[in-house]
Amino acid sequence: MYIFELIYKIINKIKYPKPLNAKEDYSELYQECEHIFVPVDSTKKVLACTKCGLLKKID
């Protein structure tokens, strides 16, 4: 089954290549996200959103 999925992905990449100038606006993504912050390091002064990756520093 994995082989068929791999062949399907390869064929889709050949048929429909991703445009080179395609840039996503991540600022809109951050505004729509319902942030859930978790600590990144052991000091728990840097938090990151689990959904979009937004970083937040606590002083």
Protein backbone atom coordinates (compact mmCIF):
# COMPACT_ATOMS: atom_id res chain seq x y z
CA MET A 1 0.00 0.00 0.00
CA TYR A 2 2.87 2.36 0.80
CA ILE A 3 4.32 1.87 -2.67
CA PHE A 4 1.10 3.04 -4.32
CA GLU A 5 0.98 6.15 -2.12
CA LEU A 6 4.59 6.94 -2.99
CA ILE A 7 3.92 6.55 -6.73
CA TYR A 8 0.82 8.77 -6.41
CA LYS A 9 2.83 11.52 -4.68
CA ILE A 10 5.57 11.40 -7.31
CA ILE A 11 3.07 11.61 -10.17
CA ASN A 12 1.28 14.58 -8.52
CA LYS A 13 4.58 16.42 -8.06
CA ILE A 14 5.35 15.99 -11.75
CA LYS A 15 1.86 16.97 -12.95
CA TYR A 16 1.25 19.86 -10.55
CA PRO A 17 4.55 21.46 -9.53
CA LYS A 18 4.45 24.04 -6.77
CA PRO A 19 4.91 27.59 -8.07
CA LEU A 20 8.23 29.16 -7.13
CA ASN A 21 6.73 32.52 -6.21
CA ALA A 22 4.15 31.10 -3.84
CA LYS A 23 4.57 32.68 -0.41
CA GLU A 24 2.14 32.17 2.43
CA ASP A 25 1.26 35.08 4.68
CA TYR A 26 1.99 33.67 8.11
CA SER A 27 0.84 36.81 9.91
CA GLU A 28 -2.77 35.93 9.05
CA LEU A 29 -2.20 32.38 10.24
CA TYR A 30 -1.07 33.63 13.67
CA GLN A 31 -4.17 35.76 14.05
CA GLU A 32 -6.51 32.84 13.29
CA CYS A 33 -4.75 30.36 15.58
CA GLU A 34 -6.13 29.51 19.01
CA HIS A 35 -2.75 29.51 20.76
CA ILE A 36 -1.83 26.79 23.23
CA PHE A 37 1.56 27.68 24.71
CA VAL A 38 3.94 25.11 26.21
CA PRO A 39 7.47 25.67 27.59
CA VAL A 40 10.34 25.14 25.18
CA ASP A 41 13.23 24.96 27.64
CA SER A 42 13.74 23.88 31.25
CA THR A 43 13.71 27.47 32.55
CA LYS A 44 10.13 27.87 31.29
CA LYS A 45 10.85 31.44 30.16
CA VAL A 46 10.31 30.72 26.46
CA LEU A 47 6.93 29.40 25.34
CA ALA A 48 5.87 28.15 21.90
CA CYS A 49 2.42 27.58 20.42
CA THR A 50 1.81 23.92 19.65
CA LYS A 51 -0.27 24.71 16.57
CA CYS A 52 1.56 27.51 14.72
CA GLY A 53 4.96 27.74 16.43
CA LEU A 54 4.65 31.33 17.64
CA LEU A 55 7.30 32.08 20.28
CA LYS A 56 6.63 34.10 23.40
CA LYS A 57 9.20 35.14 26.02
CA ILE A 58 8.25 35.65 29.67
CA ASP A 59 10.28 38.15 31.69
